[in-house]
Amino acid sequence: MGWGGTDRGGYAEQPQLKAIDYKTGKIRWSIPRYGGNSGVLSTAGNVLFNSAAGGIGAYNATTGEPLWKARIGNAVTNGPITYELDGLQYVIAGAGGRLVAFVLNQ
């Protein structure tokens, strides 16, 4: 678990998504986190995907800067996944009782 911890126990008035330097434990950046306890998807393309207000968001992994958000009606209820098919990159997440998929720009 290291510096990352878990979502069990503890209380935060405003949940946050934080980038923590694994060598020092210092926080590099922090942004508000909305809804659910979904996992975080990090990619080799320096992008993080996580729950956002009423949907899913993509963030720059180095700075925490929001890249885009999509309202999908519910908080993300699982860790998003990504895959490539026919040369296109997809991101899928569960939200409520459905799956939502996005095709990423090249």
PDB file of N, CA and C in Angstrom:
ATOM      1  N   MET A   1       0.814  -1.190   0.000  1.00  0.00           N
ATOM      2  CA  MET A   1       0.000   0.000   0.000  1.00  0.00           C
ATOM      3  C   MET A   1       0.857   1.252   0.000  1.00  0.00           C
ATOM      4  N   GLY A   2       1.971   1.239   0.653  1.00  0.00           N
ATOM      5  CA  GLY A   2       2.886   2.379   0.618  1.00  0.00           C
ATOM      6  C   GLY A   2       2.190   3.706   0.847  1.00  0.00           C
ATOM      7  N   TRP A   3       2.653   4.721   0.133  1.00  0.00           N
ATOM      8  CA  TRP A   3       2.087   6.065   0.286  1.00  0.00           C
ATOM      9  C   TRP A   3       0.685   6.160  -0.279  1.00  0.00           C
ATOM     10  N   GLY A   4       0.306   5.242  -1.155  1.00  0.00           N
ATOM     11  CA  GLY A   4      -0.999   5.321  -1.811  1.00  0.00           C
ATOM     12  C   GLY A   4      -2.159   5.039  -0.873  1.00  0.00           C
ATOM     13  N   GLY A   5      -1.947   4.169   0.132  1.00  0.00           N
ATOM     14  CA  GLY A   5      -3.002   3.866   1.081  1.00  0.00           C
ATOM     15  C   GLY A   5      -4.167   3.133   0.436  1.00  0.00           C
ATOM     16  N   THR A   6      -5.318   3.188   1.063  1.00  0.00           N
ATOM     17  CA  THR A   6      -6.530   2.551   0.555  1.00  0.00           C
ATOM     18  C   THR A   6      -7.701   3.489   0.768  1.00  0.00           C
ATOM     19  N   ASP A   7      -8.876   3.072   0.309  1.00  0.00           N
ATOM     20  CA  ASP A   7     -10.062   3.881   0.544  1.00  0.00           C
ATOM     21  C   ASP A   7     -10.824   3.402   1.776  1.00  0.00           C
ATOM     22  N   ARG A   8     -10.211   2.531   2.578  1.00  0.00           N
ATOM     23  CA  ARG A   8     -10.860   2.031   3.782  1.00  0.00           C
ATOM     24  C   ARG A   8     -10.544   2.949   4.953  1.00  0.00           C
ATOM     25  N   GLY A   9     -11.580   3.390   5.620  1.00  0.00           N
ATOM     26  CA  GLY A   9     -11.380   4.203   6.810  1.00  0.00           C
ATOM     27  C   GLY A   9     -10.928   5.607   6.461  1.00  0.00           C
ATOM     28  N   GLY A  10     -10.716   6.390   7.499  1.00  0.00           N
ATOM     29  CA  GLY A  10     -10.301   7.766   7.288  1.00  0.00           C
ATOM     30  C   GLY A  10     -11.467   8.606   6.807  1.00  0.00           C
ATOM     31  N   TYR A  11     -11.318   9.901   6.923  1.00  0.00           N
ATOM     32  CA  TYR A  11     -12.380  10.798   6.506  1.00  0.00           C
ATOM     33  C   TYR A  11     -11.751  12.050   5.934  1.00  0.00           C
ATOM     34  N   ALA A  12     -12.276  12.491   4.832  1.00  0.00           N
ATOM     35  CA  ALA A  12     -11.826  13.748   4.243  1.00  0.00           C
ATOM     36  C   ALA A  12     -13.065  14.565   3.920  1.00  0.00           C
ATOM     37  N   GLU A  13     -13.055  15.827   4.337  1.00  0.00           N
ATOM     38  CA  GLU A  13     -14.194  16.689   4.050  1.00  0.00           C
ATOM     39  C   GLU A  13     -14.362  16.825   2.536  1.00  0.00           C
ATOM     40  N   GLN A  14     -13.267  16.926   1.813  1.00  0.00           N
ATOM     41  CA  GLN A  14     -13.289  16.983   0.351  1.00  0.00           C
ATOM     42  C   GLN A  14     -12.315  15.940  -0.171  1.00  0.00           C
ATOM     43  N   PRO A  15     -12.835  14.830  -0.715  1.00  0.00           N
ATOM     44  CA  PRO A  15     -11.914  13.831  -1.281  1.00  0.00           C
ATOM     45  C   PRO A  15     -11.051  14.450  -2.377  1.00  0.00           C
ATOM     46  N   GLN A  16      -9.853  13.949  -2.520  1.00  0.00           N
ATOM     47  CA  GLN A  16      -8.920  14.500  -3.497  1.00  0.00           C
ATOM     48  C   GLN A  16      -8.173  13.390  -4.217  1.00  0.00           C
ATOM     49  N   LEU A  17      -7.780  13.699  -5.443  1.00  0.00           N
ATOM     50  CA  LEU A  17      -6.868  12.853  -6.199  1.00  0.00           C
ATOM     51  C   LEU A  17      -5.509  13.524  -6.092  1.00  0.00           C
ATOM     52  N   LYS A  18      -4.528  12.780  -5.595  1.00  0.00           N
ATOM     53  CA  LYS A  18      -3.213  13.378  -5.348  1.00  0.00           C
ATOM     54  C   LYS A  18      -2.124  12.579  -6.053  1.00  0.00           C
ATOM     55  N   ALA A  19      -1.134  13.295  -6.563  1.00  0.00           N
ATOM     56  CA  ALA A  19       0.079  12.669  -7.086  1.00  0.00           C
ATOM     57  C   ALA A  19       1.129  12.792  -5.999  1.00  0.00           C
ATOM     58  N   ILE A  20       1.646  11.657  -5.580  1.00  0.00           N
ATOM     59  CA  ILE A  20       2.609  11.628  -4.484  1.00  0.00           C
ATOM     60  C   ILE A  20       3.926  11.053  -5.001  1.00  0.00           C
ATOM     61  N   ASP A  21       5.018  11.753  -4.752  1.00  0.00           N
ATOM     62  CA  ASP A  21       6.348  11.279  -5.133  1.00  0.00           C
ATOM     63  C   ASP A  21       6.662  10.047  -4.285  1.00  0.00           C
ATOM     64  N   TYR A  22       6.792   8.891  -4.929  1.00  0.00           N
ATOM     65  CA  TYR A  22       6.984   7.651  -4.180  1.00  0.00           C
ATOM     66  C   TYR A  22       8.303   7.608  -3.418  1.00  0.00           C
ATOM     67  N   LYS A  23       9.285   8.409  -3.818  1.00  0.00           N
ATOM     68  CA  LYS A  23      10.574   8.398  -3.123  1.00  0.00           C
ATOM     69  C   LYS A  23      10.545   9.226  -1.843  1.00  0.00           C
ATOM     70  N   THR A  24       9.801  10.330  -1.861  1.00  0.00           N
ATOM     71  CA  THR A  24       9.823  11.255  -0.727  1.00  0.00           C
ATOM     72  C   THR A  24       8.511  11.320   0.041  1.00  0.00           C
ATOM     73  N   GLY A  25       7.414  10.900  -0.580  1.00  0.00           N
ATOM     74  CA  GLY A  25       6.109  11.011   0.057  1.00  0.00           C
ATOM     75  C   GLY A  25       5.510  12.405  -0.056  1.00  0.00           C
ATOM     76  N   LYS A  26       6.180  13.313  -0.755  1.00  0.00           N
ATOM     77  CA  LYS A  26       5.670  14.679  -0.906  1.00  0.00           C
ATOM     78  C   LYS A  26       4.602  14.731  -1.996  1.00  0.00           C
ATOM     79  N   ILE A  27       3.592  15.557  -1.755  1.00  0.00           N
ATOM     80  CA  ILE A  27       2.501  15.721  -2.712  1.00  0.00           C
ATOM     81  C   ILE A  27       2.968  16.642  -3.833  1.00  0.00           C
ATOM     82  N   ARG A  28       2.868  16.153  -5.073  1.00  0.00           N
ATOM     83  CA  ARG A  28       3.250  16.969  -6.242  1.00  0.00           C
ATOM     84  C   ARG A  28       2.098  17.835  -6.708  1.00  0.00           C
ATOM     85  N   TRP A  29       0.884  17.290  -6.714  1.00  0.00           N
ATOM     86  CA  TRP A  29      -0.312  18.057  -7.046  1.00  0.00           C
ATOM     87  C   TRP A  29      -1.517  17.378  -6.422  1.00  0.00           C
ATOM     88  N   SER A  30      -2.599  18.132  -6.304  1.00  0.00           N
ATOM     89  CA  SER A  30      -3.827  17.635  -5.704  1.00  0.00           C
ATOM     90  C   SER A  30      -5.008  18.333  -6.360  1.00  0.00           C
ATOM     91  N   ILE A  31      -6.047  17.569  -6.689  1.00  0.00           N
ATOM     92  CA  ILE A  31      -7.264  18.141  -7.259  1.00  0.00           C
ATOM     93  C   ILE A  31      -8.466  17.514  -6.563  1.00  0.00           C
ATOM     94  N   PRO A  32      -9.608  18.223  -6.499  1.00  0.00           N
ATOM     95  CA  PRO A  32     -10.810  17.628  -5.897  1.00  0.00           C
ATOM     96  C   PRO A  32     -11.223  16.374  -6.659  1.00  0.00           C
ATOM     97  N   ARG A  33     -11.733  15.415  -5.930  1.00  0.00           N
ATOM     98  CA  ARG A  33     -12.229  14.173  -6.523  1.00  0.00           C
ATOM     99  C   ARG A  33     -13.705  14.079  -6.199  1.00  0.00           C
ATOM    100  N   TYR A  34     -14.510  13.790  -7.206  1.00  0.00           N
ATOM    101  CA  TYR A  34     -15.952  13.778  -7.030  1.00  0.00           C
ATOM    102  C   TYR A  34     -16.509  12.380  -7.218  1.00  0.00           C
ATOM    103  N   GLY A  35     -17.406  12.008  -6.326  1.00  0.00           N
ATOM    104  CA  GLY A  35     -18.195  10.800  -6.492  1.00  0.00           C
ATOM    105  C   GLY A  35     -17.404   9.512  -6.448  1.00  0.00           C
ATOM    106  N   GLY A  36     -18.061   8.483  -5.959  1.00  0.00           N
ATOM    107  CA  GLY A  36     -17.551   7.127  -6.004  1.00  0.00           C
ATOM    108  C   GLY A  36     -16.152   6.906  -5.478  1.00  0.00           C
ATOM    109  N   ASN A  37     -15.805   5.662  -5.405  1.00  0.00           N
ATOM    110  CA  ASN A  37     -14.462   5.248  -5.004  1.00  0.00           C
ATOM    111  C   ASN A  37     -13.834   4.440  -6.121  1.00  0.00           C
ATOM    112  N   SER A  38     -13.996   4.907  -7.332  1.00  0.00           N
ATOM    113  CA  SER A  38     -13.461   4.163  -8.467  1.00  0.00           C
ATOM    114  C   SER A  38     -11.943   4.174  -8.448  1.00  0.00           C
ATOM    115  N   GLY A  39     -11.375   3.205  -9.118  1.00  0.00           N
ATOM    116  CA  GLY A  39      -9.937   3.180  -9.276  1.00  0.00           C
ATOM    117  C   GLY A  39      -9.486   4.250 -10.256  1.00  0.00           C
ATOM    118  N   VAL A  40      -8.188   4.428 -10.334  1.00  0.00           N
ATOM    119  CA  VAL A  40      -7.597   5.400 -11.248  1.00  0.00           C
ATOM    120  C   VAL A  40      -6.866   4.623 -12.334  1.00  0.00           C
ATOM    121  N   LEU A  41      -7.076   5.017 -13.584  1.00  0.00           N
ATOM    122  CA  LEU A  41      -6.350   4.418 -14.702  1.00  0.00           C
ATOM    123  C   LEU A  41      -5.244   5.377 -15.097  1.00  0.00           C
ATOM    124  N   SER A  42      -4.009   4.914 -15.064  1.00  0.00           N
ATOM    125  CA  SER A  42      -2.893   5.724 -15.552  1.00  0.00           C
ATOM    126  C   SER A  42      -2.364   5.074 -16.817  1.00  0.00           C
ATOM    127  N   THR A  43      -1.979   5.902 -17.783  1.00  0.00           N
ATOM    128  CA  THR A  43      -1.562   5.386 -19.077  1.00  0.00           C
ATOM    129  C   THR A  43      -0.121   5.786 -19.393  1.00  0.00           C
ATOM    130  N   ALA A  44       0.473   5.083 -20.345  1.00  0.00           N
ATOM    131  CA  ALA A  44       1.815   5.411 -20.802  1.00  0.00           C
ATOM    132  C   ALA A  44       1.840   6.755 -21.515  1.00  0.00           C
ATOM    133  N   GLY A  45       0.671   7.244 -21.927  1.00  0.00           N
ATOM    134  CA  GLY A  45       0.569   8.541 -22.600  1.00  0.00           C
ATOM    135  C   GLY A  45       0.473   9.703 -21.638  1.00  0.00           C
ATOM    136  N   ASN A  46       0.783   9.477 -20.335  1.00  0.00           N
ATOM    137  CA  ASN A  46       0.799  10.527 -19.323  1.00  0.00           C
ATOM    138  C   ASN A  46      -0.595  11.086 -19.033  1.00  0.00           C
ATOM    139  N   VAL A  47      -1.608  10.230 -19.118  1.00  0.00           N
ATOM    140  CA  VAL A  47      -2.981  10.639 -18.840  1.00  0.00           C
ATOM    141  C   VAL A  47      -3.549   9.744 -17.753  1.00  0.00           C
ATOM    142  N   LEU A  48      -4.286  10.363 -16.808  1.00  0.00           N
ATOM    143  CA  LEU A  48      -5.014   9.634 -15.774  1.00  0.00           C
ATOM    144  C   LEU A  48      -6.496   9.740 -16.066  1.00  0.00           C
ATOM    145  N   PHE A  49      -7.240   8.675 -15.802  1.00  0.00           N
ATOM    146  CA  PHE A  49      -8.697   8.699 -15.895  1.00  0.00           C
ATOM    147  C   PHE A  49      -9.249   8.361 -14.524  1.00  0.00           C
ATOM    148  N   ASN A  50     -10.277   9.121 -14.100  1.00  0.00           N
ATOM    149  CA  ASN A  50     -10.854   8.943 -12.783  1.00  0.00           C
ATOM    150  C   ASN A  50     -12.263   9.505 -12.786  1.00  0.00           C
ATOM    151  N   SER A  51     -13.012   9.231 -11.702  1.00  0.00           N
ATOM    152  CA  SER A  51     -14.347   9.798 -11.613  1.00  0.00           C
ATOM    153  C   SER A  51     -14.265  11.318 -11.522  1.00  0.00           C
ATOM    154  N   ALA A  52     -15.247  11.976 -12.110  1.00  0.00           N
ATOM    155  CA  ALA A  52     -15.377  13.433 -12.062  1.00  0.00           C
ATOM    156  C   ALA A  52     -16.831  13.720 -11.683  1.00  0.00           C
ATOM    157  N   ALA A  53     -17.179  14.962 -11.470  1.00  0.00           N
ATOM    158  CA  ALA A  53     -18.537  15.317 -11.068  1.00  0.00           C
ATOM    159  C   ALA A  53     -19.548  14.758 -12.064  1.00  0.00           C
ATOM    160  N   GLY A  54     -20.300  13.736 -11.655  1.00  0.00           N
ATOM    161  CA  GLY A  54     -21.318  13.147 -12.505  1.00  0.00           C
ATOM    162  C   GLY A  54     -20.783  12.372 -13.688  1.00  0.00           C
ATOM    163  N   GLY A  55     -19.511  12.001 -13.682  1.00  0.00           N
ATOM    164  CA  GLY A  55     -18.985  11.280 -14.832  1.00  0.00           C
ATOM    165  C   GLY A  55     -17.538  10.877 -14.682  1.00  0.00           C
ATOM    166  N   ILE A  56     -16.809  11.023 -15.781  1.00  0.00           N
ATOM    167  CA  ILE A  56     -15.411  10.598 -15.855  1.00  0.00           C
ATOM    168  C   ILE A  56     -14.568  11.763 -16.358  1.00  0.00           C
ATOM    169  N   GLY A  57     -13.329  11.822 -15.901  1.00  0.00           N
ATOM    170  CA  GLY A  57     -12.431  12.887 -16.327  1.00  0.00           C
ATOM    171  C   GLY A  57     -11.067  12.344 -16.695  1.00  0.00           C
ATOM    172  N   ALA A  58     -10.382  13.080 -17.551  1.00  0.00           N
ATOM    173  CA  ALA A  58      -9.008  12.761 -17.942  1.00  0.00           C
ATOM    174  C   ALA A  58      -8.125  13.900 -17.460  1.00  0.00           C
ATOM    175  N   TYR A  59      -6.948  13.558 -16.929  1.00  0.00           N
ATOM    176  CA  TYR A  59      -6.058  14.538 -16.322  1.00  0.00           C
ATOM    177  C   TYR A  59      -4.627  14.312 -16.792  1.00  0.00           C
ATOM    178  N   ASN A  60      -3.876  15.383 -16.899  1.00  0.00           N
ATOM    179  CA  ASN A  60      -2.447  15.292 -17.182  1.00  0.00           C
ATOM    180  C   ASN A  60      -1.784  14.685 -15.948  1.00  0.00           C
ATOM    181  N   ALA A  61      -1.077  13.578 -16.103  1.00  0.00           N
ATOM    182  CA  ALA A  61      -0.485  12.883 -14.962  1.00  0.00           C
ATOM    183  C   ALA A  61       0.652  13.665 -14.316  1.00  0.00           C
ATOM    184  N   THR A  62       1.304  14.541 -15.051  1.00  0.00           N
ATOM    185  CA  THR A  62       2.419  15.305 -14.509  1.00  0.00           C
ATOM    186  C   THR A  62       1.959  16.504 -13.697  1.00  0.00           C
ATOM    187  N   THR A  63       0.903  17.178 -14.169  1.00  0.00           N
ATOM    188  CA  THR A  63       0.470  18.432 -13.541  1.00  0.00           C
ATOM    189  C   THR A  63      -0.871  18.359 -12.842  1.00  0.00           C
ATOM    190  N   GLY A  64      -1.696  17.350 -13.154  1.00  0.00           N
ATOM    191  CA  GLY A  64      -3.048  17.263 -12.615  1.00  0.00           C
ATOM    192  C   GLY A  64      -4.050  18.114 -13.373  1.00  0.00           C
ATOM    193  N   GLU A  65      -3.604  18.793 -14.421  1.00  0.00           N
ATOM    194  CA  GLU A  65      -4.485  19.658 -15.204  1.00  0.00           C
ATOM    195  C   GLU A  65      -5.588  18.822 -15.862  1.00  0.00           C
ATOM    196  N   PRO A  66      -6.864  19.245 -15.705  1.00  0.00           N
ATOM    197  CA  PRO A  66      -7.953  18.530 -16.385  1.00  0.00           C
ATOM    198  C   PRO A  66      -7.815  18.661 -17.900  1.00  0.00           C
ATOM    199  N   LEU A  67      -7.972  17.545 -18.615  1.00  0.00           N
ATOM    200  CA  LEU A  67      -7.908  17.540 -20.068  1.00  0.00           C
ATOM    201  C   LEU A  67      -9.312  17.516 -20.666  1.00  0.00           C
ATOM    202  N   TRP A  68     -10.204  16.717 -20.101  1.00  0.00           N
ATOM    203  CA  TRP A  68     -11.611  16.713 -20.482  1.00  0.00           C
ATOM    204  C   TRP A  68     -12.428  16.003 -19.423  1.00  0.00           C
ATOM    205  N   LYS A  69     -13.727  16.295 -19.411  1.00  0.00           N
ATOM    206  CA  LYS A  69     -14.678  15.617 -18.530  1.00  0.00           C
ATOM    207  C   LYS A  69     -15.915  15.294 -19.336  1.00  0.00           C
ATOM    208  N   ALA A  70     -16.529  14.182 -19.007  1.00  0.00           N
ATOM    209  CA  ALA A  70     -17.765  13.787 -19.681  1.00  0.00           C
ATOM    210  C   ALA A  70     -18.803  13.438 -18.621  1.00  0.00           C
ATOM    211  N   ARG A  71     -19.947  14.081 -18.707  1.00  0.00           N
ATOM    212  CA  ARG A  71     -21.056  13.747 -17.813  1.00  0.00           C
ATOM    213  C   ARG A  71     -21.726  12.488 -18.332  1.00  0.00           C
ATOM    214  N   ILE A  72     -21.826  11.492 -17.463  1.00  0.00           N
ATOM    215  CA  ILE A  72     -22.433  10.228 -17.868  1.00  0.00           C
ATOM    216  C   ILE A  72     -23.594   9.855 -16.956  1.00  0.00           C
ATOM    217  N   GLY A  73     -24.034  10.793 -16.132  1.00  0.00           N
ATOM    218  CA  GLY A  73     -25.220  10.582 -15.313  1.00  0.00           C
ATOM    219  C   GLY A  73     -24.973  10.004 -13.942  1.00  0.00           C
ATOM    220  N   ASN A  74     -23.905   9.277 -13.759  1.00  0.00           N
ATOM    221  CA  ASN A  74     -23.566   8.672 -12.472  1.00  0.00           C
ATOM    222  C   ASN A  74     -22.067   8.736 -12.265  1.00  0.00           C
ATOM    223  N   ALA A  75     -21.664   8.549 -11.028  1.00  0.00           N
ATOM    224  CA  ALA A  75     -20.230   8.447 -10.743  1.00  0.00           C
ATOM    225  C   ALA A  75     -19.701   7.141 -11.314  1.00  0.00           C
ATOM    226  N   VAL A  76     -18.441   7.130 -11.672  1.00  0.00           N
ATOM    227  CA  VAL A  76     -17.790   5.919 -12.155  1.00  0.00           C
ATOM    228  C   VAL A  76     -17.733   4.927 -10.999  1.00  0.00           C
ATOM    229  N   THR A  77     -18.122   3.679 -11.259  1.00  0.00           N
ATOM    230  CA  THR A  77     -18.213   2.684 -10.189  1.00  0.00           C
ATOM    231  C   THR A  77     -17.157   1.593 -10.285  1.00  0.00           C
ATOM    232  N   ASN A  78     -16.213   1.749 -11.195  1.00  0.00           N
ATOM    233  CA  ASN A  78     -15.126   0.781 -11.317  1.00  0.00           C
ATOM    234  C   ASN A  78     -13.871   1.519 -11.777  1.00  0.00           C
ATOM    235  N   GLY A  79     -12.747   0.843 -11.771  1.00  0.00           N
ATOM    236  CA  GLY A  79     -11.558   1.431 -12.363  1.00  0.00           C
ATOM    237  C   GLY A  79     -11.701   1.400 -13.877  1.00  0.00           C
ATOM    238  N   PRO A  80     -11.604   2.534 -14.551  1.00  0.00           N
ATOM    239  CA  PRO A  80     -11.711   2.527 -16.014  1.00  0.00           C
ATOM    240  C   PRO A  80     -10.640   1.630 -16.632  1.00  0.00           C
ATOM    241  N   ILE A  81     -10.925   1.124 -17.830  1.00  0.00           N
ATOM    242  CA  ILE A  81      -9.958   0.321 -18.564  1.00  0.00           C
ATOM    243  C   ILE A  81      -9.745   0.946 -19.934  1.00  0.00           C
ATOM    244  N   THR A  82      -8.645   0.601 -20.562  1.00  0.00           N
ATOM    245  CA  THR A  82      -8.374   1.078 -21.914  1.00  0.00           C
ATOM    246  C   THR A  82      -7.908  -0.088 -22.768  1.00  0.00           C
ATOM    247  N   TYR A  83      -8.211  -0.005 -24.048  1.00  0.00           N
ATOM    248  CA  TYR A  83      -7.746  -1.013 -24.993  1.00  0.00           C
ATOM    249  C   TYR A  83      -7.688  -0.400 -26.383  1.00  0.00           C
ATOM    250  N   GLU A  84      -6.982  -1.070 -27.281  1.00  0.00           N
ATOM    251  CA  GLU A  84      -6.883  -0.626 -28.660  1.00  0.00           C
ATOM    252  C   GLU A  84      -7.541  -1.669 -29.555  1.00  0.00           C
ATOM    253  N   LEU A  85      -8.325  -1.191 -30.516  1.00  0.00           N
ATOM    254  CA  LEU A  85      -8.984  -2.071 -31.465  1.00  0.00           C
ATOM    255  C   LEU A  85      -8.997  -1.392 -32.828  1.00  0.00           C
ATOM    256  N   ASP A  86      -8.495  -2.067 -33.820  1.00  0.00           N
ATOM    257  CA  ASP A  86      -8.461  -1.529 -35.186  1.00  0.00           C
ATOM    258  C   ASP A  86      -7.793  -0.162 -35.245  1.00  0.00           C
ATOM    259  N   GLY A  87      -6.752   0.016 -34.473  1.00  0.00           N
ATOM    260  CA  GLY A  87      -5.990   1.258 -34.503  1.00  0.00           C
ATOM    261  C   GLY A  87      -6.585   2.403 -33.705  1.00  0.00           C
ATOM    262  N   LEU A  88      -7.709   2.182 -33.008  1.00  0.00           N
ATOM    263  CA  LEU A  88      -8.321   3.229 -32.189  1.00  0.00           C
ATOM    264  C   LEU A  88      -8.194   2.874 -30.716  1.00  0.00           C
ATOM    265  N   GLN A  89      -7.954   3.890 -29.879  1.00  0.00           N
ATOM    266  CA  GLN A  89      -7.809   3.695 -28.437  1.00  0.00           C
ATOM    267  C   GLN A  89      -9.143   4.000 -27.764  1.00  0.00           C
ATOM    268  N   TYR A  90      -9.620   3.084 -26.929  1.00  0.00           N
ATOM    269  CA  TYR A  90     -10.888   3.218 -26.223  1.00  0.00           C
ATOM    270  C   TYR A  90     -10.657   3.283 -24.722  1.00  0.00           C
ATOM    271  N   VAL A  91     -11.545   3.986 -24.013  1.00  0.00           N
ATOM    272  CA  VAL A  91     -11.602   3.972 -22.551  1.00  0.00           C
ATOM    273  C   VAL A  91     -13.033   3.589 -22.194  1.00  0.00           C
ATOM    274  N   ILE A  92     -13.177   2.625 -21.286  1.00  0.00           N
ATOM    275  CA  ILE A  92     -14.497   2.159 -20.849  1.00  0.00           C
ATOM    276  C   ILE A  92     -14.568   2.259 -19.339  1.00  0.00           C
ATOM    277  N   ALA A  93     -15.739   2.669 -18.838  1.00  0.00           N
ATOM    278  CA  ALA A  93     -15.964   2.734 -17.399  1.00  0.00           C
ATOM    279  C   ALA A  93     -17.406   2.344 -17.103  1.00  0.00           C
ATOM    280  N   GLY A  94     -17.627   1.755 -15.937  1.00  0.00           N
ATOM    281  CA  GLY A  94     -18.973   1.459 -15.473  1.00  0.00           C
ATOM    282  C   GLY A  94     -19.511   2.665 -14.718  1.00  0.00           C
ATOM    283  N   ALA A  95     -20.784   2.964 -14.940  1.00  0.00           N
ATOM    284  CA  ALA A  95     -21.441   4.084 -14.250  1.00  0.00           C
ATOM    285  C   ALA A  95     -22.881   3.668 -13.987  1.00  0.00           C
ATOM    286  N   GLY A  96     -23.214   3.491 -12.712  1.00  0.00           N
ATOM    287  CA  GLY A  96     -24.545   2.993 -12.398  1.00  0.00           C
ATOM    288  C   GLY A  96     -24.688   1.596 -12.964  1.00  0.00           C
ATOM    289  N   GLY A  97     -25.735   1.357 -13.751  1.00  0.00           N
ATOM    290  CA  GLY A  97     -25.968   0.045 -14.318  1.00  0.00           C
ATOM    291  C   GLY A  97     -25.556  -0.077 -15.767  1.00  0.00           C
ATOM    292  N   ARG A  98     -24.631   0.767 -16.230  1.00  0.00           N
ATOM    293  CA  ARG A  98     -24.246   0.701 -17.647  1.00  0.00           C
ATOM    294  C   ARG A  98     -22.750   0.895 -17.817  1.00  0.00           C
ATOM    295  N   LEU A  99     -22.287   0.560 -19.008  1.00  0.00           N
ATOM    296  CA  LEU A  99     -20.908   0.809 -19.399  1.00  0.00           C
ATOM    297  C   LEU A  99     -20.908   1.968 -20.400  1.00  0.00           C
ATOM    298  N   VAL A 100     -19.923   2.839 -20.289  1.00  0.00           N
ATOM    299  CA  VAL A 100     -19.761   3.921 -21.255  1.00  0.00           C
ATOM    300  C   VAL A 100     -18.385   3.773 -21.875  1.00  0.00           C
ATOM    301  N   ALA A 101     -18.304   4.078 -23.168  1.00  0.00           N
ATOM    302  CA  ALA A 101     -17.035   3.950 -23.897  1.00  0.00           C
ATOM    303  C   ALA A 101     -16.739   5.228 -24.645  1.00  0.00           C
ATOM    304  N   PHE A 102     -15.468   5.569 -24.701  1.00  0.00           N
ATOM    305  CA  PHE A 102     -15.006   6.748 -25.417  1.00  0.00           C
ATOM    306  C   PHE A 102     -13.877   6.345 -26.354  1.00  0.00           C
ATOM    307  N   VAL A 103     -13.885   6.912 -27.539  1.00  0.00           N
ATOM    308  CA  VAL A 103     -12.769   6.738 -28.473  1.00  0.00           C
ATOM    309  C   VAL A 103     -11.889   7.964 -28.328  1.00  0.00           C
ATOM    310  N   LEU A 104     -10.600   7.740 -28.102  1.00  0.00           N
ATOM    311  CA  LEU A 104      -9.677   8.841 -27.884  1.00  0.00           C
ATOM    312  C   LEU A 104      -9.115   9.333 -29.205  1.00  0.00           C
ATOM    313  N   ASN A 105      -8.857  10.634 -29.269  1.00  0.00           N
ATOM    314  CA  ASN A 105      -8.233  11.214 -30.462  1.00  0.00           C
ATOM    315  C   ASN A 105      -6.826  10.678 -30.616  1.00  0.00           C
ATOM    316  N   GLN A 106      -6.382  10.621 -31.847  1.00  0.00           N
ATOM    317  CA  GLN A 106      -5.023  10.151 -32.091  1.00  0.00           C
ATOM    318  C   GLN A 106      -4.065  11.302 -32.087  1.00  0.00           C
TER     319      GLN A 106
END
